[in-house]
Amino acid sequence: MKKIIYPVCLFSLLIVSCVPQRLMEETKNKLTACETESALAKKASQDSESKLATANETLAKNAKELGGLQRDTSIMATNLRLLQNKYDKLNLVNDQLLDKYNKMLLGSEKDNAKLSGQLQLTQEQLLRKEDELKALEARLNKQQQDLDALSAQLKLREARVNELEAILKKKDQATADLKKKLQDALFNFENKGLTITQKNGKVYVSMDESLLFASGKTAVEPKGIEALKNVAKVLEQNPDINILVEGHTDDVPMKGTGEIKDNWDLSVIRATSVTKILLQNSTTDPKRITSAGRGEFFPIDGSKTADARKKNRRTEIILTPKLDELFKVLDNN
């Protein structure tokens, strides 16, 4: 209906030059009114199209929500049927329990009295068991406390044992280092009347009579003095070593009338001679050294042969790392 305005307006424009001025003015006014109305109609059409698009979107959204609600309704209906089945089963079980309960109520008074007695006995037994359980729990707590105390003591002892092992390991390493230093210092004398061994945490420097003394004598030979001086240098550099010098003889009895009367005298004096050489021109503390004579009573070889007796005629320098640190740990224990 609004679209037919445009031909009328065009016709008016064609005849404007043929009509009087008043008619032309009226025509212009009508033309202006037509254009305004046309613009309003166009705007109304655009608004309608926009509202239609919005309505279509709302309709699609509502349709989607409706589908979701229909699915939810279907699921709820299924769940409702399942719950109804469970409810029916529970009702059946309840009816069965009620039936059993009613039958129990219909039992004789004698059975009820018997059950009551059994119940009372059971309760008494439970009380006794509870008392026994409490007593057992108390004993277990006490045993746990004792166990914790013992565990603490064991840990303390383990720490002390580890400390002792570390000290002993350190001592063994010091002994091995000492042996190596002596071997280096006495390289020219080893297997030439002198041997160096390590046993029982000690280093033994054993010197044959042939290296140190003439037969039956107590003065050290020059070659022996040279070897002892090398030993003395090592002892000066290792102040934490205790030194024991032992003189040994063979089992041939010695009967003298002078200073040396027997093998005891000979072993003691030889040990003293070696000790004096170790201390000559040395910074070694004499308090570290002990001299002892063993006579013939500690032989290397017990055979009654010339070769065995030769082995037994010896002087041993026994070197022991000091154990002051170890003794401190033991005293603390």
C-alpha atoms as a PDB file:
ATOM      1  CA  MET A   1       0.000   0.000   0.000  1.00  0.00           C
ATOM      2  CA  LYS A   2       2.779   2.479   0.841  1.00  0.00           C
ATOM      3  CA  LYS A   3       4.777   1.681  -2.323  1.00  0.00           C
ATOM      4  CA  ILE A   4       2.081   3.351  -4.669  1.00  0.00           C
ATOM      5  CA  ILE A   5       2.980   6.790  -3.361  1.00  0.00           C
ATOM      6  CA  TYR A   6       5.971   7.045  -5.702  1.00  0.00           C
ATOM      7  CA  PRO A   7       3.978   7.215  -9.090  1.00  0.00           C
ATOM      8  CA  VAL A   8       1.679   9.958  -7.740  1.00  0.00           C
ATOM      9  CA  CYS A   9       4.655  12.067  -6.751  1.00  0.00           C
ATOM     10  CA  LEU A  10       6.260  11.707 -10.205  1.00  0.00           C
ATOM     11  CA  PHE A  11       3.040  12.729 -11.909  1.00  0.00           C
ATOM     12  CA  SER A  12       2.839  15.828  -9.779  1.00  0.00           C
ATOM     13  CA  LEU A  13       6.369  16.778 -10.824  1.00  0.00           C
ATOM     14  CA  LEU A  14       5.453  16.518 -14.529  1.00  0.00           C
ATOM     15  CA  ILE A  15       2.532  18.926 -14.298  1.00  0.00           C
ATOM     16  CA  VAL A  16       4.125  21.458 -11.951  1.00  0.00           C
ATOM     17  CA  SER A  17       4.918  23.875 -14.744  1.00  0.00           C
ATOM     18  CA  CYS A  18       1.327  23.860 -15.980  1.00  0.00           C
ATOM     19  CA  VAL A  19      -0.527  24.627 -12.757  1.00  0.00           C
ATOM     20  CA  PRO A  20      -0.822  27.793 -10.894  1.00  0.00           C
ATOM     21  CA  GLN A  21       1.684  28.732  -8.176  1.00  0.00           C
ATOM     22  CA  ARG A  22      -0.620  27.664  -5.332  1.00  0.00           C
ATOM     23  CA  LEU A  23      -1.160  24.261  -6.816  1.00  0.00           C
ATOM     24  CA  MET A  24       2.587  23.874  -7.213  1.00  0.00           C
ATOM     25  CA  GLU A  25       3.125  24.668  -3.559  1.00  0.00           C
ATOM     26  CA  GLU A  26       0.562  22.096  -2.549  1.00  0.00           C
ATOM     27  CA  THR A  27       2.233  19.596  -4.784  1.00  0.00           C
ATOM     28  CA  LYS A  28       5.634  20.312  -3.219  1.00  0.00           C
ATOM     29  CA  ASN A  29       4.218  19.864   0.226  1.00  0.00           C
ATOM     30  CA  LYS A  30       2.652  16.579  -0.753  1.00  0.00           C
ATOM     31  CA  LEU A  31       5.966  15.493  -2.303  1.00  0.00           C
ATOM     32  CA  THR A  32       7.812  16.323   0.914  1.00  0.00           C
ATOM     33  CA  ALA A  33       5.197  14.436   2.918  1.00  0.00           C
ATOM     34  CA  CYS A  34       5.591  11.463   0.595  1.00  0.00           C
ATOM     35  CA  GLU A  35       9.355  11.382   1.014  1.00  0.00           C
ATOM     36  CA  THR A  36       9.049  11.599   4.780  1.00  0.00           C
ATOM     37  CA  GLU A  37       6.482   8.844   4.856  1.00  0.00           C
ATOM     38  CA  SER A  38       8.689   6.739   2.564  1.00  0.00           C
ATOM     39  CA  ALA A  39      11.683   7.146   4.879  1.00  0.00           C
ATOM     40  CA  LEU A  40       9.580   6.185   7.886  1.00  0.00           C
ATOM     41  CA  ALA A  41       8.261   3.157   6.044  1.00  0.00           C
ATOM     42  CA  LYS A  42      11.784   2.066   5.110  1.00  0.00           C
ATOM     43  CA  LYS A  43      12.984   2.432   8.720  1.00  0.00           C
ATOM     44  CA  ALA A  44       9.940   0.509   9.991  1.00  0.00           C
ATOM     45  CA  SER A  45      10.721  -2.254   7.481  1.00  0.00           C
ATOM     46  CA  GLN A  46      14.349  -2.485   8.712  1.00  0.00           C
ATOM     47  CA  ASP A  47      13.205  -2.593  12.355  1.00  0.00           C
ATOM     48  CA  SER A  48      10.767  -5.357  11.505  1.00  0.00           C
ATOM     49  CA  GLU A  49      13.477  -7.408   9.807  1.00  0.00           C
ATOM     50  CA  SER A  50      15.784  -6.972  12.833  1.00  0.00           C
ATOM     51  CA  LYS A  51      13.027  -8.043  15.228  1.00  0.00           C
ATOM     52  CA  LEU A  52      12.297 -11.023  13.005  1.00  0.00           C
ATOM     53  CA  ALA A  53      15.964 -12.146  13.126  1.00  0.00           C
ATOM     54  CA  THR A  54      16.013 -11.756  16.905  1.00  0.00           C
ATOM     55  CA  ALA A  55      12.794 -13.724  17.177  1.00  0.00           C
ATOM     56  CA  ASN A  56      14.273 -16.502  15.022  1.00  0.00           C
ATOM     57  CA  GLU A  57      17.351 -16.707  17.254  1.00  0.00           C
ATOM     58  CA  THR A  58      15.183 -16.865  20.387  1.00  0.00           C
ATOM     59  CA  LEU A  59      13.060 -19.555  18.770  1.00  0.00           C
ATOM     60  CA  ALA A  60      16.148 -21.662  17.935  1.00  0.00           C
ATOM     61  CA  LYS A  61      17.519 -21.239  21.480  1.00  0.00           C
ATOM     62  CA  ASN A  62      14.158 -22.244  22.968  1.00  0.00           C
ATOM     63  CA  ALA A  63      14.000 -25.252  20.685  1.00  0.00           C
ATOM     64  CA  LYS A  64      17.489 -26.347  21.853  1.00  0.00           C
ATOM     65  CA  GLU A  65      16.541 -25.904  25.516  1.00  0.00           C
ATOM     66  CA  LEU A  66      13.351 -27.863  24.915  1.00  0.00           C
ATOM     67  CA  GLY A  67      15.381 -30.753  23.491  1.00  0.00           C
ATOM     68  CA  GLY A  68      17.638 -30.718  26.574  1.00  0.00           C
ATOM     69  CA  LEU A  69      14.649 -30.692  28.900  1.00  0.00           C
ATOM     70  CA  GLN A  70      13.121 -33.602  27.016  1.00  0.00           C
ATOM     71  CA  ARG A  71      16.379 -35.608  27.429  1.00  0.00           C
ATOM     72  CA  ASP A  72      16.599 -34.719  31.136  1.00  0.00           C
ATOM     73  CA  THR A  73      12.974 -35.745  31.563  1.00  0.00           C
ATOM     74  CA  SER A  74      13.688 -39.101  29.912  1.00  0.00           C
ATOM     75  CA  ILE A  75      16.716 -39.726  32.199  1.00  0.00           C
ATOM     76  CA  MET A  76      14.722 -38.728  35.277  1.00  0.00           C
ATOM     77  CA  ALA A  77      11.947 -41.081  34.254  1.00  0.00           C
ATOM     78  CA  THR A  78      14.479 -43.934  33.961  1.00  0.00           C
ATOM     79  CA  ASN A  79      15.981 -43.113  37.360  1.00  0.00           C
ATOM     80  CA  LEU A  80      12.515 -42.957  38.840  1.00  0.00           C
ATOM     81  CA  ARG A  81      11.748 -46.453  37.585  1.00  0.00           C
ATOM     82  CA  LEU A  82      15.030 -47.755  39.060  1.00  0.00           C
ATOM     83  CA  LEU A  83      14.295 -46.122  42.395  1.00  0.00           C
ATOM     84  CA  GLN A  84      10.808 -47.541  42.344  1.00  0.00           C
ATOM     85  CA  ASN A  85      12.228 -51.042  41.803  1.00  0.00           C
ATOM     86  CA  LYS A  86      14.642 -50.604  44.678  1.00  0.00           C
ATOM     87  CA  TYR A  87      11.860 -49.285  46.857  1.00  0.00           C
ATOM     88  CA  ASP A  88       9.723 -52.314  46.051  1.00  0.00           C
ATOM     89  CA  LYS A  89      12.588 -54.664  46.934  1.00  0.00           C
ATOM     90  CA  LEU A  90      13.193 -52.827  50.213  1.00  0.00           C
ATOM     91  CA  ASN A  91       9.521 -53.149  51.041  1.00  0.00           C
ATOM     92  CA  LEU A  92       9.753 -56.881  50.381  1.00  0.00           C
ATOM     93  CA  VAL A  93      12.796 -57.266  52.625  1.00  0.00           C
ATOM     94  CA  ASN A  94      11.091 -55.179  55.295  1.00  0.00           C
ATOM     95  CA  ASP A  95       8.046 -57.422  55.175  1.00  0.00           C
ATOM     96  CA  GLN A  96      10.254 -60.488  55.522  1.00  0.00           C
ATOM     97  CA  LEU A  97      12.052 -59.002  58.523  1.00  0.00           C
ATOM     98  CA  LEU A  98       8.786 -58.087  60.151  1.00  0.00           C
ATOM     99  CA  ASP A  99       7.600 -61.634  59.641  1.00  0.00           C
ATOM    100  CA  LYS A 100      10.701 -63.063  61.298  1.00  0.00           C
ATOM    101  CA  TYR A 101      10.440 -60.560  64.117  1.00  0.00           C
ATOM    102  CA  ASN A 102       6.821 -61.513  64.754  1.00  0.00           C
ATOM    103  CA  LYS A 103       7.787 -65.194  64.822  1.00  0.00           C
ATOM    104  CA  MET A 104      10.503 -64.427  67.392  1.00  0.00           C
ATOM    105  CA  LEU A 105       7.990 -62.569  69.523  1.00  0.00           C
ATOM    106  CA  LEU A 106       5.731 -65.592  69.396  1.00  0.00           C
ATOM    107  CA  GLY A 107       8.513 -67.779  70.840  1.00  0.00           C
ATOM    108  CA  SER A 108       8.132 -69.309  74.289  1.00  0.00           C
ATOM    109  CA  GLU A 109       9.094 -67.493  77.489  1.00  0.00           C
ATOM    110  CA  LYS A 110      11.550 -70.280  78.167  1.00  0.00           C
ATOM    111  CA  ASP A 111      13.464 -69.498  74.984  1.00  0.00           C
ATOM    112  CA  ASN A 112      13.409 -65.815  75.851  1.00  0.00           C
ATOM    113  CA  ALA A 113      14.751 -66.534  79.338  1.00  0.00           C
ATOM    114  CA  LYS A 114      17.469 -68.748  77.854  1.00  0.00           C
ATOM    115  CA  LEU A 115      18.432 -66.040  75.383  1.00  0.00           C
ATOM    116  CA  SER A 116      18.467 -63.471  78.168  1.00  0.00           C
ATOM    117  CA  GLY A 117      20.773 -65.675  80.249  1.00  0.00           C
ATOM    118  CA  GLN A 118      23.068 -66.221  77.328  1.00  0.00           C
ATOM    119  CA  LEU A 119      23.081 -62.509  76.667  1.00  0.00           C
ATOM    120  CA  GLN A 120      24.002 -61.744  80.259  1.00  0.00           C
ATOM    121  CA  LEU A 121      26.764 -64.373  80.183  1.00  0.00           C
ATOM    122  CA  THR A 122      28.082 -62.940  76.965  1.00  0.00           C
ATOM    123  CA  GLN A 123      28.116 -59.462  78.457  1.00  0.00           C
ATOM    124  CA  GLU A 124      30.068 -60.714  81.474  1.00  0.00           C
ATOM    125  CA  GLN A 125      32.538 -62.445  79.190  1.00  0.00           C
ATOM    126  CA  LEU A 126      32.900 -59.280  77.178  1.00  0.00           C
ATOM    127  CA  LEU A 127      33.623 -57.293  80.343  1.00  0.00           C
ATOM    128  CA  ARG A 128      36.288 -59.807  81.372  1.00  0.00           C
ATOM    129  CA  LYS A 129      37.794 -59.713  77.909  1.00  0.00           C
ATOM    130  CA  GLU A 130      37.772 -55.935  78.026  1.00  0.00           C
ATOM    131  CA  ASP A 131      39.660 -55.990  81.346  1.00  0.00           C
ATOM    132  CA  GLU A 132      42.144 -58.477  79.911  1.00  0.00           C
ATOM    133  CA  LEU A 133      42.533 -56.301  76.830  1.00  0.00           C
ATOM    134  CA  LYS A 134      43.239 -53.216  78.955  1.00  0.00           C
ATOM    135  CA  ALA A 135      45.824 -55.133  80.995  1.00  0.00           C
ATOM    136  CA  LEU A 136      47.433 -56.416  77.800  1.00  0.00           C
ATOM    137  CA  GLU A 137      47.448 -52.907  76.350  1.00  0.00           C
ATOM    138  CA  ALA A 138      49.181 -51.620  79.490  1.00  0.00           C
ATOM    139  CA  ARG A 139      51.824 -54.366  79.205  1.00  0.00           C
ATOM    140  CA  LEU A 140      52.315 -53.590  75.526  1.00  0.00           C
ATOM    141  CA  ASN A 141      52.747 -49.889  76.300  1.00  0.00           C
ATOM    142  CA  LYS A 142      55.331 -50.769  78.949  1.00  0.00           C
ATOM    143  CA  GLN A 143      57.134 -53.086  76.527  1.00  0.00           C
ATOM    144  CA  GLN A 144      57.057 -50.357  73.869  1.00  0.00           C
ATOM    145  CA  GLN A 145      58.626 -47.906  76.311  1.00  0.00           C
ATOM    146  CA  ASP A 146      61.299 -50.460  77.184  1.00  0.00           C
ATOM    147  CA  LEU A 147      61.847 -51.120  73.484  1.00  0.00           C
ATOM    148  CA  ASP A 148      62.197 -47.389  72.744  1.00  0.00           C
ATOM    149  CA  ALA A 149      64.705 -47.036  75.573  1.00  0.00           C
ATOM    150  CA  LEU A 150      66.641 -50.055  74.327  1.00  0.00           C
ATOM    151  CA  SER A 151      66.567 -48.720  70.780  1.00  0.00           C
ATOM    152  CA  ALA A 152      68.001 -45.407  71.978  1.00  0.00           C
ATOM    153  CA  GLN A 153      70.763 -47.260  73.821  1.00  0.00           C
ATOM    154  CA  LEU A 154      71.520 -49.358  70.757  1.00  0.00           C
ATOM    155  CA  LYS A 155      71.773 -46.248  68.585  1.00  0.00           C
ATOM    156  CA  LEU A 156      74.137 -44.692  71.113  1.00  0.00           C
ATOM    157  CA  ARG A 157      76.243 -47.849  71.202  1.00  0.00           C
ATOM    158  CA  GLU A 158      76.212 -48.058  67.427  1.00  0.00           C
ATOM    159  CA  ALA A 159      77.523 -44.503  67.260  1.00  0.00           C
ATOM    160  CA  ARG A 160      80.270 -45.397  69.726  1.00  0.00           C
ATOM    161  CA  VAL A 161      81.146 -48.547  67.788  1.00  0.00           C
ATOM    162  CA  ASN A 162      81.350 -46.511  64.578  1.00  0.00           C
ATOM    163  CA  GLU A 163      83.611 -44.056  66.372  1.00  0.00           C
ATOM    164  CA  LEU A 164      85.824 -46.888  67.622  1.00  0.00           C
ATOM    165  CA  GLU A 165      85.962 -48.448  64.156  1.00  0.00           C
ATOM    166  CA  ALA A 166      86.975 -45.094  62.684  1.00  0.00           C
ATOM    167  CA  ILE A 167      89.758 -44.759  65.272  1.00  0.00           C
ATOM    168  CA  LEU A 168      90.959 -48.323  64.639  1.00  0.00           C
ATOM    169  CA  LYS A 169      90.885 -47.754  60.908  1.00  0.00           C
ATOM    170  CA  LYS A 170      92.879 -44.592  61.413  1.00  0.00           C
ATOM    171  CA  LYS A 171      95.362 -46.522  63.590  1.00  0.00           C
ATOM    172  CA  ASP A 172      95.698 -49.288  60.985  1.00  0.00           C
ATOM    173  CA  GLN A 173      96.341 -46.699  58.299  1.00  0.00           C
ATOM    174  CA  ALA A 174      98.961 -45.028  60.510  1.00  0.00           C
ATOM    175  CA  THR A 175     100.605 -48.421  61.044  1.00  0.00           C
ATOM    176  CA  ALA A 176     100.666 -49.107  57.312  1.00  0.00           C
ATOM    177  CA  ASP A 177     102.107 -45.640  56.624  1.00  0.00           C
ATOM    178  CA  LEU A 178     104.782 -46.232  59.275  1.00  0.00           C
ATOM    179  CA  LYS A 179     105.746 -49.546  57.714  1.00  0.00           C
ATOM    180  CA  LYS A 180     106.075 -47.876  54.305  1.00  0.00           C
ATOM    181  CA  LYS A 181     108.304 -45.131  55.733  1.00  0.00           C
ATOM    182  CA  LEU A 182     110.537 -47.712  57.422  1.00  0.00           C
ATOM    183  CA  GLN A 183     110.786 -49.765  54.239  1.00  0.00           C
ATOM    184  CA  ASP A 184     111.818 -46.660  52.322  1.00  0.00           C
ATOM    185  CA  ALA A 185     114.365 -45.689  54.996  1.00  0.00           C
ATOM    186  CA  LEU A 186     115.822 -49.228  55.340  1.00  0.00           C
ATOM    187  CA  PHE A 187     115.641 -50.249  51.711  1.00  0.00           C
ATOM    188  CA  ASN A 188     119.326 -51.150  51.579  1.00  0.00           C
ATOM    189  CA  PHE A 189     119.071 -53.407  54.649  1.00  0.00           C
ATOM    190  CA  GLU A 190     115.932 -55.440  53.929  1.00  0.00           C
ATOM    191  CA  ASN A 191     116.587 -59.154  53.463  1.00  0.00           C
ATOM    192  CA  LYS A 192     120.160 -58.525  54.597  1.00  0.00           C
ATOM    193  CA  GLY A 193     119.656 -59.380  58.216  1.00  0.00           C
ATOM    194  CA  LEU A 194     116.653 -57.032  58.576  1.00  0.00           C
ATOM    195  CA  THR A 195     112.945 -57.652  58.000  1.00  0.00           C
ATOM    196  CA  ILE A 196     109.906 -55.382  58.421  1.00  0.00           C
ATOM    197  CA  THR A 197     106.492 -56.931  59.066  1.00  0.00           C
ATOM    198  CA  GLN A 198     103.072 -55.685  60.149  1.00  0.00           C
ATOM    199  CA  LYS A 199     100.806 -57.785  62.379  1.00  0.00           C
ATOM    200  CA  ASN A 200      98.273 -57.235  65.161  1.00  0.00           C
ATOM    201  CA  GLY A 201      98.272 -53.494  64.534  1.00  0.00           C
ATOM    202  CA  LYS A 202     102.034 -53.211  65.087  1.00  0.00           C
ATOM    203  CA  VAL A 203     105.155 -52.866  62.954  1.00  0.00           C
ATOM    204  CA  TYR A 204     108.051 -55.240  63.722  1.00  0.00           C
ATOM    205  CA  VAL A 205     111.576 -54.315  62.687  1.00  0.00           C
ATOM    206  CA  SER A 206     113.586 -57.486  63.295  1.00  0.00           C
ATOM    207  CA  MET A 207     117.409 -57.381  63.076  1.00  0.00           C
ATOM    208  CA  ASP A 208     119.579 -60.472  63.105  1.00  0.00           C
ATOM    209  CA  GLU A 209     122.558 -60.753  65.407  1.00  0.00           C
ATOM    210  CA  SER A 210     124.793 -60.762  62.312  1.00  0.00           C
ATOM    211  CA  LEU A 211     123.674 -57.197  61.470  1.00  0.00           C
ATOM    212  CA  LEU A 212     124.021 -55.743  64.981  1.00  0.00           C
ATOM    213  CA  PHE A 213     126.431 -57.689  67.174  1.00  0.00           C
ATOM    214  CA  ALA A 214     129.464 -59.903  67.122  1.00  0.00           C
ATOM    215  CA  SER A 215     128.914 -63.272  68.760  1.00  0.00           C
ATOM    216  CA  GLY A 216     128.390 -62.880  72.502  1.00  0.00           C
ATOM    217  CA  LYS A 217     128.968 -59.108  72.346  1.00  0.00           C
ATOM    218  CA  THR A 218     126.746 -56.169  73.252  1.00  0.00           C
ATOM    219  CA  ALA A 219     128.361 -53.358  71.232  1.00  0.00           C
ATOM    220  CA  VAL A 220     126.504 -52.574  68.011  1.00  0.00           C
ATOM    221  CA  GLU A 221     128.501 -53.032  64.784  1.00  0.00           C
ATOM    222  CA  PRO A 222     128.922 -50.019  62.410  1.00  0.00           C
ATOM    223  CA  LYS A 223     126.554 -51.487  59.830  1.00  0.00           C
ATOM    224  CA  GLY A 224     123.929 -51.961  62.522  1.00  0.00           C
ATOM    225  CA  ILE A 225     124.458 -48.399  63.773  1.00  0.00           C
ATOM    226  CA  GLU A 226     123.760 -47.087  60.269  1.00  0.00           C
ATOM    227  CA  ALA A 227     120.504 -49.027  60.094  1.00  0.00           C
ATOM    228  CA  LEU A 228     119.426 -47.869  63.577  1.00  0.00           C
ATOM    229  CA  LYS A 229     120.074 -44.235  62.696  1.00  0.00           C
ATOM    230  CA  ASN A 230     117.729 -44.582  59.730  1.00  0.00           C
ATOM    231  CA  VAL A 231     115.120 -46.059  62.069  1.00  0.00           C
ATOM    232  CA  ALA A 232     115.660 -43.157  64.506  1.00  0.00           C
ATOM    233  CA  LYS A 233     114.945 -40.591  61.765  1.00  0.00           C
ATOM    234  CA  VAL A 234     111.589 -42.219  61.070  1.00  0.00           C
ATOM    235  CA  LEU A 235     110.750 -42.327  64.796  1.00  0.00           C
ATOM    236  CA  GLU A 236     111.551 -38.600  65.147  1.00  0.00           C
ATOM    237  CA  GLN A 237     108.998 -37.811  62.413  1.00  0.00           C
ATOM    238  CA  ASN A 238     106.298 -39.955  64.048  1.00  0.00           C
ATOM    239  CA  PRO A 239     105.918 -38.858  67.682  1.00  0.00           C
ATOM    240  CA  ASP A 240     102.629 -40.763  68.180  1.00  0.00           C
ATOM    241  CA  ILE A 241     104.386 -44.143  68.107  1.00  0.00           C
ATOM    242  CA  ASN A 242     105.308 -46.179  71.199  1.00  0.00           C
ATOM    243  CA  ILE A 243     108.606 -48.060  70.893  1.00  0.00           C
ATOM    244  CA  LEU A 244     109.537 -51.390  72.456  1.00  0.00           C
ATOM    245  CA  VAL A 245     113.053 -52.760  71.952  1.00  0.00           C
ATOM    246  CA  GLU A 246     113.305 -56.505  72.693  1.00  0.00           C
ATOM    247  CA  GLY A 247     116.519 -58.525  72.842  1.00  0.00           C
ATOM    248  CA  HIS A 248     116.351 -62.279  72.060  1.00  0.00           C
ATOM    249  CA  THR A 249     118.942 -65.058  72.286  1.00  0.00           C
ATOM    250  CA  ASP A 250     119.117 -68.707  71.275  1.00  0.00           C
ATOM    251  CA  ASP A 251     118.667 -71.585  73.733  1.00  0.00           C
ATOM    252  CA  VAL A 252     122.370 -72.309  74.195  1.00  0.00           C
ATOM    253  CA  PRO A 253     123.130 -71.591  77.878  1.00  0.00           C
ATOM    254  CA  MET A 254     125.627 -68.800  78.501  1.00  0.00           C
ATOM    255  CA  LYS A 255     127.665 -69.005  81.645  1.00  0.00           C
ATOM    256  CA  GLY A 256     129.808 -65.986  82.202  1.00  0.00           C
ATOM    257  CA  THR A 257     131.577 -64.581  85.202  1.00  0.00           C
ATOM    258  CA  GLY A 258     131.733 -60.925  84.206  1.00  0.00           C
ATOM    259  CA  GLU A 259     128.953 -58.436  83.450  1.00  0.00           C
ATOM    260  CA  ILE A 260     127.064 -60.948  81.298  1.00  0.00           C
ATOM    261  CA  LYS A 261     126.265 -64.076  83.288  1.00  0.00           C
ATOM    262  CA  ASP A 262     123.483 -65.661  81.198  1.00  0.00           C
ATOM    263  CA  ASN A 263     121.141 -65.191  78.244  1.00  0.00           C
ATOM    264  CA  TRP A 264     118.920 -62.866  80.289  1.00  0.00           C
ATOM    265  CA  ASP A 265     121.773 -60.437  80.792  1.00  0.00           C
ATOM    266  CA  LEU A 266     122.802 -60.675  77.154  1.00  0.00           C
ATOM    267  CA  SER A 267     119.284 -59.957  75.808  1.00  0.00           C
ATOM    268  CA  VAL A 268     118.703 -57.051  78.198  1.00  0.00           C
ATOM    269  CA  ILE A 269     122.041 -55.347  77.549  1.00  0.00           C
ATOM    270  CA  ARG A 270     121.689 -55.739  73.770  1.00  0.00           C
ATOM    271  CA  ALA A 271     118.223 -54.168  73.910  1.00  0.00           C
ATOM    272  CA  THR A 272     119.635 -51.302  75.973  1.00  0.00           C
ATOM    273  CA  SER A 273     122.504 -50.804  73.507  1.00  0.00           C
ATOM    274  CA  VAL A 274     120.066 -50.532  70.600  1.00  0.00           C
ATOM    275  CA  THR A 275     117.879 -48.115  72.592  1.00  0.00           C
ATOM    276  CA  LYS A 276     120.813 -45.797  73.321  1.00  0.00           C
ATOM    277  CA  ILE A 277     121.742 -45.605  69.643  1.00  0.00           C
ATOM    278  CA  LEU A 278     118.120 -44.749  68.742  1.00  0.00           C
ATOM    279  CA  LEU A 279     118.257 -41.855  71.213  1.00  0.00           C
ATOM    280  CA  GLN A 280     121.735 -40.535  70.295  1.00  0.00           C
ATOM    281  CA  ASN A 281     121.565 -37.166  68.530  1.00  0.00           C
ATOM    282  CA  SER A 282     117.795 -37.622  68.291  1.00  0.00           C
ATOM    283  CA  THR A 283     114.759 -35.585  69.364  1.00  0.00           C
ATOM    284  CA  THR A 284     112.827 -38.753  70.209  1.00  0.00           C
ATOM    285  CA  ASP A 285     111.357 -38.575  73.721  1.00  0.00           C
ATOM    286  CA  PRO A 286     112.976 -41.340  75.868  1.00  0.00           C
ATOM    287  CA  LYS A 287     109.612 -41.808  77.579  1.00  0.00           C
ATOM    288  CA  ARG A 288     108.355 -43.374  74.388  1.00  0.00           C
ATOM    289  CA  ILE A 289     110.889 -46.237  74.511  1.00  0.00           C
ATOM    290  CA  THR A 290     110.862 -49.407  76.600  1.00  0.00           C
ATOM    291  CA  SER A 291     113.832 -51.802  76.591  1.00  0.00           C
ATOM    292  CA  ALA A 292     113.285 -55.452  77.451  1.00  0.00           C
ATOM    293  CA  GLY A 293     115.260 -58.694  77.438  1.00  0.00           C
ATOM    294  CA  ARG A 294     113.420 -61.870  76.497  1.00  0.00           C
ATOM    295  CA  GLY A 295     116.286 -64.340  76.726  1.00  0.00           C
ATOM    296  CA  GLU A 296     115.703 -67.548  74.808  1.00  0.00           C
ATOM    297  CA  PHE A 297     112.016 -67.864  75.704  1.00  0.00           C
ATOM    298  CA  PHE A 298     110.398 -66.343  72.588  1.00  0.00           C
ATOM    299  CA  PRO A 299     112.059 -68.143  69.652  1.00  0.00           C
ATOM    300  CA  ILE A 300     111.011 -67.658  66.034  1.00  0.00           C
ATOM    301  CA  ASP A 301     112.000 -71.244  65.210  1.00  0.00           C
ATOM    302  CA  GLY A 302     111.801 -73.905  67.910  1.00  0.00           C
ATOM    303  CA  SER A 303     114.037 -76.366  66.048  1.00  0.00           C
ATOM    304  CA  LYS A 304     117.304 -77.415  67.644  1.00  0.00           C
ATOM    305  CA  THR A 305     119.376 -76.592  64.556  1.00  0.00           C
ATOM    306  CA  ALA A 306     122.124 -74.084  63.884  1.00  0.00           C
ATOM    307  CA  ASP A 307     119.955 -72.257  61.341  1.00  0.00           C
ATOM    308  CA  ALA A 308     117.039 -72.012  63.821  1.00  0.00           C
ATOM    309  CA  ARG A 309     119.313 -70.673  66.558  1.00  0.00           C
ATOM    310  CA  LYS A 310     120.651 -68.078  64.144  1.00  0.00           C
ATOM    311  CA  LYS A 311     117.098 -66.849  63.461  1.00  0.00           C
ATOM    312  CA  ASN A 312     116.347 -66.650  67.169  1.00  0.00           C
ATOM    313  CA  ARG A 313     119.377 -64.466  67.943  1.00  0.00           C
ATOM    314  CA  ARG A 314     117.790 -61.139  67.049  1.00  0.00           C
ATOM    315  CA  THR A 315     116.682 -57.725  68.300  1.00  0.00           C
ATOM    316  CA  GLU A 316     113.157 -56.551  67.543  1.00  0.00           C
ATOM    317  CA  ILE A 317     111.951 -52.964  67.495  1.00  0.00           C
ATOM    318  CA  ILE A 318     108.180 -53.153  67.974  1.00  0.00           C
ATOM    319  CA  LEU A 319     106.303 -49.970  67.004  1.00  0.00           C
ATOM    320  CA  THR A 320     102.713 -49.370  68.151  1.00  0.00           C
ATOM    321  CA  PRO A 321     100.571 -46.313  67.332  1.00  0.00           C
ATOM    322  CA  LYS A 322      99.359 -44.623  70.509  1.00  0.00           C
ATOM    323  CA  LEU A 323      95.759 -45.403  71.406  1.00  0.00           C
ATOM    324  CA  ASP A 324      95.025 -42.340  73.549  1.00  0.00           C
ATOM    325  CA  GLU A 325      92.061 -41.352  71.392  1.00  0.00           C
ATOM    326  CA  LEU A 326      90.656 -44.878  71.603  1.00  0.00           C
ATOM    327  CA  PHE A 327      91.105 -45.006  75.372  1.00  0.00           C
ATOM    328  CA  LYS A 328      89.218 -41.708  75.724  1.00  0.00           C
ATOM    329  CA  VAL A 329      86.257 -43.173  73.874  1.00  0.00           C
ATOM    330  CA  LEU A 330      86.358 -46.321  76.019  1.00  0.00           C
ATOM    331  CA  ASP A 331      86.540 -44.236  79.217  1.00  0.00           C
ATOM    332  CA  ASN A 332      83.461 -42.266  78.121  1.00  0.00           C
ATOM    333  CA  ASN A 333      81.610 -45.526  77.676  1.00  0.00           C
END
